Amino acid sequence: MEAALGLMRRIPPRHTETALSALLGLLPHYSSDLLSQVDQPLQVLCDVDSGKEFILCEYNRDADSYRSPWSNKYHPPLEDGPHPSSELRKLEIEANEVFSIYRDQYYEGGSSSVYMWEDENEGFVACFLIKKDGSKAAYGRRGYLQEGSWDAIHVIEVESLRQLLQWWNPRIMRGSVGPEEEGITHYCLTSTIMLSLTTNNQSSGAFSLSGSIRRHLEEAELKILEDKIPIDQQLNDPMVHSNEDMNMDLSIADGHLCNMGKMIEEMESKLRNSLDQVYFGKTKEMVCTLRPPAEVVQMRIPDS
């Protein structure tokens, strides 16, 4: 299983579906683990009831049906599919409306969806998805790409600080958590970006670039009986996979959406910078080294 996940991290996103299908045939007893841990390029489906597009992923799938965040119905119809509670559904509706505005401002089009569900620890999980098709036939307004896609997956686990402390140490009594911690919520964000682009023009010819980057952020200072326990771990693989552990404990006075939105905005900014430095920067460096401009070559050749 570990070798399979390592292989999938090194597969270009546009070949993920083919590689995953082959692995499922070789390792059928690991099917559920592979499907839940391997991020695939996002697909889009139209909700016939609302007339809006929604994104398909493992987080809104049950059997062969997918739940729409707009109508809260499964497509194709499914009678006993799970749904969020009424309170969480209200938050989900508001999150989809807010995230649509965020998508238009930062991506100038594309599709977005937000899904929420309860977890086992009396908290909830929220999944924020964005898909931008940058090809000439889709949302590529500038027309530079022959084909291109940007898939962003942000999963946030939300728990109250009391629940987190009692899970960390079951011996902590209820009175050990003071009133200051009662209004604090713990957020854990895992983000994945999958990028694929292809250009084909007369000046540069055909060029294809694809890759993915994933970060799991946790940065926490947990206050337990006047003691602080810092957690800060970082694992980096600059070529394909990047992990960075950090928890965030924030006040819920501003609301969950405000807190989660700030985290996603900050994370996407970091990921865009990482992609620019790792993929585009390194690729440009290699191309300029292997095929330097004529002016550079002329400077290197000494006059005889």
Protein backbone atom coordinates (compact mmCIF):
# COMPACT_ATOMS: atom_id res chain seq x y z
CA MET A 1 0.00 0.00 0.00
CA GLU A 2 2.83 2.40 0.87
CA ALA A 3 4.55 1.66 -2.44
CA ALA A 4 1.29 2.21 -4.33
CA LEU A 5 0.75 5.60 -2.70
CA GLY A 6 4.36 6.56 -3.41
CA LEU A 7 3.87 5.65 -7.06
CA MET A 8 0.65 7.65 -7.34
CA ARG A 9 2.38 10.74 -5.91
CA ARG A 10 4.80 10.62 -8.83
CA ILE A 11 2.23 10.10 -11.57
CA PRO A 12 1.28 13.22 -13.58
CA PRO A 13 -2.30 14.29 -12.75
CA ARG A 14 -3.53 13.68 -16.30
CA HIS A 15 -2.49 10.01 -16.00
CA THR A 16 -3.85 9.53 -12.46
CA GLU A 17 -7.12 7.91 -13.51
CA THR A 18 -5.39 5.33 -15.73
CA ALA A 19 -2.74 4.51 -13.12
CA LEU A 20 -5.31 4.24 -10.32
CA SER A 21 -7.47 1.90 -12.38
CA ALA A 22 -4.46 -0.36 -12.96
CA LEU A 23 -3.58 -0.37 -9.25
CA LEU A 24 -7.15 -1.23 -8.28
CA GLY A 25 -6.90 -4.26 -10.57
CA LEU A 26 -3.60 -5.32 -8.99
CA LEU A 27 -4.64 -4.57 -5.37
CA PRO A 28 -8.41 -5.12 -5.12
CA HIS A 29 -8.24 -5.61 -1.33
CA TYR A 30 -6.88 -2.05 -0.98
CA SER A 31 -9.59 -0.48 -3.13
CA SER A 32 -11.22 1.59 -0.39
CA ASP A 33 -7.86 2.86 0.92
CA LEU A 34 -6.64 3.84 -2.54
CA LEU A 35 -9.86 5.60 -3.49
CA SER A 36 -9.91 7.56 -0.23
CA GLN A 37 -6.21 8.56 -0.18
CA VAL A 38 -5.45 9.20 -3.85
CA ASP A 39 -6.60 12.57 -5.18
CA GLN A 40 -7.94 12.38 -8.73
CA PRO A 41 -8.57 15.22 -11.19
CA LEU A 42 -11.98 16.67 -10.47
CA GLN A 43 -15.00 16.09 -12.68
CA VAL A 44 -18.05 18.35 -13.11
CA LEU A 45 -21.75 17.44 -13.40
CA CYS A 46 -24.79 19.65 -13.93
CA ASP A 47 -27.56 19.67 -11.31
CA VAL A 48 -30.76 19.50 -13.35
CA ASP A 49 -32.86 20.85 -10.46
CA SER A 50 -30.83 24.04 -9.93
CA GLY A 51 -29.24 24.31 -13.35
CA LYS A 52 -25.81 24.78 -11.75
CA GLU A 53 -22.63 22.74 -12.08
CA PHE A 54 -21.16 20.90 -9.10
CA ILE A 55 -17.90 19.05 -8.63
CA LEU A 56 -17.65 15.28 -8.19
CA CYS A 57 -15.27 13.80 -5.64
CA GLU A 58 -15.03 11.11 -2.99
CA TYR A 59 -16.47 13.43 -0.35
CA ASN A 60 -19.92 13.73 -1.95
CA ARG A 61 -20.11 10.21 -3.40
CA ASP A 62 -22.20 7.32 -2.14
CA ALA A 63 -22.14 4.18 -4.28
CA ASP A 64 -22.34 5.51 -7.86
CA SER A 65 -24.27 8.69 -6.97
CA TYR A 66 -23.03 12.18 -6.12
CA ARG A 67 -24.76 14.73 -3.90
CA SER A 68 -25.23 18.24 -5.27
CA PRO A 69 -24.55 21.08 -2.79
CA TRP A 70 -27.18 23.21 -4.54
CA SER A 71 -30.24 20.95 -4.33
CA ASN A 72 -28.93 18.50 -1.69
CA LYS A 73 -30.04 15.65 -3.99
CA TYR A 74 -28.07 12.72 -5.35
CA HIS A 75 -27.43 12.24 -9.06
CA PRO A 76 -28.43 9.61 -10.11
CA PRO A 77 -31.16 9.50 -7.42
CA LEU A 78 -30.30 7.59 -4.25
CA GLU A 79 -32.89 6.93 -1.57
CA ASP A 80 -30.76 6.31 1.53
CA GLY A 81 -27.77 8.54 0.78
CA PRO A 82 -26.29 10.45 3.77
CA HIS A 83 -27.08 14.15 4.20
CA PRO A 84 -25.74 16.78 6.61
CA SER A 85 -27.87 17.89 9.56
CA SER A 86 -30.17 20.88 9.13
CA GLU A 87 -27.78 23.27 10.92
CA LEU A 88 -24.78 22.04 8.99
CA ARG A 89 -26.76 22.23 5.76
CA LYS A 90 -27.43 25.94 6.37
CA LEU A 91 -23.69 26.50 6.83
CA GLU A 92 -23.01 24.49 3.66
CA ILE A 93 -25.41 26.63 1.60
CA GLU A 94 -23.81 29.84 2.85
CA ALA A 95 -20.31 28.45 2.22
CA ASN A 96 -21.16 27.63 -1.40
CA GLU A 97 -22.43 31.15 -2.01
CA VAL A 98 -19.36 32.77 -0.43
CA PHE A 99 -16.92 30.42 -2.14
CA SER A 100 -18.48 31.16 -5.54
CA ILE A 101 -17.56 34.82 -5.03
CA TYR A 102 -14.04 33.82 -3.95
CA ARG A 103 -13.68 31.66 -7.08
CA ASP A 104 -14.77 34.45 -9.43
CA GLN A 105 -12.39 36.96 -7.84
CA TYR A 106 -9.32 34.73 -7.81
CA TYR A 107 -9.92 32.40 -10.77
CA GLU A 108 -12.11 34.47 -13.13
CA GLY A 109 -14.48 31.59 -13.74
CA GLY A 110 -14.48 27.84 -13.25
CA SER A 111 -16.58 25.68 -10.93
CA SER A 112 -16.64 25.39 -7.15
CA SER A 113 -18.42 23.25 -4.56
CA VAL A 114 -18.40 22.99 -0.78
CA TYR A 115 -19.47 19.85 1.09
CA MET A 116 -19.85 19.36 4.83
CA TRP A 117 -20.56 16.37 7.03
CA GLU A 118 -20.39 15.40 10.70
CA ASP A 119 -17.45 13.40 12.02
CA GLU A 120 -17.17 10.90 14.86
CA ASN A 121 -15.82 13.44 17.38
CA GLU A 122 -18.91 15.69 17.51
CA GLY A 123 -17.25 18.10 15.09
CA PHE A 124 -17.57 18.40 11.33
CA VAL A 125 -15.49 18.30 8.16
CA ALA A 126 -15.71 20.77 5.26
CA CYS A 127 -14.38 20.17 1.76
CA PHE A 128 -13.82 23.17 -0.55
CA LEU A 129 -13.28 22.34 -4.23
CA ILE A 130 -12.34 24.48 -7.23
CA LYS A 131 -11.89 23.35 -10.83
CA LYS A 132 -10.66 25.74 -13.50
CA ASP A 133 -10.45 24.55 -17.10
CA GLY A 134 -7.99 26.87 -18.81
CA SER A 135 -8.19 25.41 -22.33
CA LYS A 136 -9.25 27.47 -25.32
CA ALA A 137 -12.60 25.69 -25.47
CA ALA A 138 -13.48 26.43 -21.81
CA TYR A 139 -12.65 29.26 -19.40
CA GLY A 140 -9.28 30.14 -20.92
CA ARG A 141 -10.06 33.79 -21.58
CA ARG A 142 -6.53 34.75 -22.62
CA GLY A 143 -6.09 31.92 -25.12
CA TYR A 144 -2.48 31.03 -24.26
CA LEU A 145 -3.10 27.34 -23.47
CA GLN A 146 -4.10 24.56 -25.80
CA GLU A 147 -5.20 22.53 -22.79
CA GLY A 148 -4.99 23.31 -19.10
CA SER A 149 -6.63 22.57 -15.77
CA TRP A 150 -6.26 23.62 -12.14
CA ASP A 151 -7.88 21.42 -9.47
CA ALA A 152 -7.84 22.60 -5.84
CA ILE A 153 -9.03 20.42 -2.94
CA HIS A 154 -9.15 21.85 0.60
CA VAL A 155 -10.36 19.62 3.46
CA ILE A 156 -10.77 21.22 6.91
CA GLU A 157 -11.45 19.23 10.08
CA VAL A 158 -13.20 21.33 12.72
CA GLU A 159 -13.25 20.43 16.43
CA SER A 160 -13.75 22.37 19.63
CA LEU A 161 -10.64 22.75 21.79
CA ARG A 162 -12.33 20.82 24.62
CA GLN A 163 -12.90 17.80 22.40
CA LEU A 164 -9.34 17.94 21.12
CA LEU A 165 -7.79 18.13 24.60
CA GLN A 166 -9.90 15.27 25.93
CA TRP A 167 -8.93 13.15 22.92
CA TRP A 168 -5.25 14.01 23.47
CA ASN A 169 -5.45 13.18 27.18
CA PRO A 170 -8.60 11.38 28.42
CA ARG A 171 -7.60 12.14 32.03
CA ILE A 172 -8.34 15.85 31.54
CA MET A 173 -11.47 16.70 33.50
CA ARG A 174 -14.13 19.08 32.27
CA GLY A 175 -13.09 21.70 34.80
CA SER A 176 -9.54 21.75 33.41
CA VAL A 177 -10.69 23.71 30.35
CA GLY A 178 -11.36 27.30 31.29
CA PRO A 179 -13.86 29.74 29.82
CA GLU A 180 -11.23 31.16 27.44
CA GLU A 181 -10.86 27.78 25.73
CA GLU A 182 -14.63 27.23 25.49
CA GLY A 183 -14.86 29.67 22.56
CA ILE A 184 -11.82 28.28 20.75
CA THR A 185 -12.15 25.91 17.78
CA HIS A 186 -9.38 23.76 16.32
CA TYR A 187 -9.00 23.72 12.51
CA CYS A 188 -6.84 21.26 10.57
CA LEU A 189 -6.40 21.98 6.84
CA THR A 190 -5.21 19.59 4.13
CA SER A 191 -4.80 21.11 0.67
CA THR A 192 -4.00 19.55 -2.70
CA ILE A 193 -3.36 21.37 -5.97
CA MET A 194 -3.19 19.50 -9.29
CA LEU A 195 -1.94 21.42 -12.31
CA SER A 196 -1.79 20.35 -15.95
CA LEU A 197 -1.13 22.50 -19.00
CA THR A 198 -0.23 22.06 -22.68
CA THR A 199 0.83 24.68 -25.20
CA ASN A 200 1.15 24.21 -28.95
CA ASN A 201 2.16 27.14 -31.11
CA GLN A 202 4.54 27.81 -33.95
CA SER A 203 7.17 29.67 -31.95
CA SER A 204 7.64 27.23 -29.05
CA GLY A 205 6.13 24.03 -30.43
CA ALA A 206 4.34 21.48 -28.24
CA PHE A 207 5.05 21.63 -24.51
CA SER A 208 3.34 19.80 -21.64
CA LEU A 209 3.75 20.33 -17.89
CA SER A 210 1.83 18.70 -15.06
CA GLY A 211 2.29 18.04 -11.36
CA SER A 212 0.69 18.16 -7.94
CA ILE A 213 1.50 19.52 -4.51
CA ARG A 214 -0.15 18.70 -1.20
CA ARG A 215 0.18 20.28 2.22
CA HIS A 216 -1.28 19.26 5.54
CA LEU A 217 -1.01 22.22 7.88
CA GLU A 218 -0.97 21.97 11.66
CA GLU A 219 0.30 24.71 13.97
CA ALA A 220 -0.93 24.67 17.54
CA GLU A 221 -0.23 25.96 21.00
CA LEU A 222 -2.48 23.89 23.23
CA LYS A 223 -3.00 25.40 26.67
CA ILE A 224 -3.38 22.64 29.24
CA LEU A 225 -3.30 23.68 32.87
CA GLU A 226 -1.03 26.68 32.15
CA ASP A 227 1.38 24.50 30.10
CA LYS A 228 1.96 25.06 26.36
CA ILE A 229 2.78 22.23 24.02
CA PRO A 230 4.10 23.42 20.63
CA ILE A 231 3.66 21.15 17.64
CA ASP A 232 5.67 21.91 14.53
CA GLN A 233 6.74 19.18 12.13
CA GLN A 234 7.66 19.52 8.50
CA LEU A 235 8.36 16.98 5.79
CA ASN A 236 9.32 18.21 2.34
CA ASP A 237 9.76 16.56 -1.05
CA PRO A 238 10.19 19.57 -3.35
CA MET A 239 9.64 17.63 -6.55
CA VAL A 240 6.23 16.10 -6.04
CA HIS A 241 4.86 16.00 -2.52
CA SER A 242 5.13 18.52 0.27
CA ASN A 243 3.76 18.14 3.78
CA GLU A 244 3.78 20.72 6.54
CA ASP A 245 2.08 20.01 9.85
CA MET A 246 0.34 22.88 11.65
CA ASN A 247 -2.86 23.19 13.70
CA MET A 248 -4.79 26.44 14.07
CA ASP A 249 -6.85 27.29 17.15
CA LEU A 250 -9.11 30.25 16.41
CA SER A 251 -11.97 32.02 18.12
CA ILE A 252 -15.41 31.30 16.69
CA ALA A 253 -16.51 34.89 17.35
CA ASP A 254 -16.00 35.67 13.64
CA GLY A 255 -17.74 32.47 12.55
CA HIS A 256 -16.50 29.24 10.99
CA LEU A 257 -16.69 30.51 7.40
CA CYS A 258 -14.49 33.52 8.15
CA ASN A 259 -11.87 31.37 9.89
CA MET A 260 -11.85 28.69 7.19
CA GLY A 261 -11.80 31.27 4.41
CA LYS A 262 -8.70 32.97 5.82
CA MET A 263 -6.92 29.63 6.07
CA ILE A 264 -7.75 28.66 2.48
CA GLU A 265 -6.78 32.07 1.10
CA GLU A 266 -3.41 31.97 2.87
CA MET A 267 -2.78 28.36 1.87
CA GLU A 268 -3.58 28.92 -1.81
CA SER A 269 -1.19 31.87 -1.89
CA LYS A 270 1.60 29.67 -0.52
CA LEU A 271 0.81 26.85 -2.92
CA ARG A 272 0.78 29.16 -5.94
CA ASN A 273 4.20 30.47 -4.93
CA SER A 274 5.50 26.92 -4.46
CA LEU A 275 4.24 25.85 -7.87
CA ASP A 276 5.76 28.92 -9.47
CA GLN A 277 9.16 28.27 -7.88
CA VAL A 278 9.28 24.46 -8.13
CA TYR A 279 7.60 23.69 -11.44
CA PHE A 280 7.83 26.80 -13.57
CA GLY A 281 11.10 28.06 -12.07
CA LYS A 282 12.93 24.74 -12.36
CA THR A 283 11.52 24.05 -15.82
CA LYS A 284 12.65 27.47 -17.06
CA GLU A 285 16.10 26.91 -15.57
CA MET A 286 16.45 23.51 -17.29
CA VAL A 287 15.23 24.79 -20.66
CA CYS A 288 17.56 27.79 -20.56
CA THR A 289 20.47 25.49 -19.65
CA LEU A 290 19.81 22.91 -22.36
CA ARG A 291 18.68 25.38 -25.02
CA PRO A 292 20.16 28.76 -24.19
CA PRO A 293 19.19 31.78 -26.30
CA ALA A 294 21.43 32.60 -29.24
CA GLU A 295 22.76 35.72 -27.49
CA VAL A 296 23.99 33.66 -24.54
CA VAL A 297 25.63 31.07 -26.81
CA GLN A 298 27.44 33.81 -28.71
CA MET A 299 28.80 35.22 -25.44
CA ARG A 300 30.15 31.80 -24.42
CA ILE A 301 32.02 31.14 -27.68
CA PRO A 302 35.43 32.87 -27.59
CA ASP A 303 36.56 34.70 -30.68
CA SER A 304 39.25 32.83 -32.57
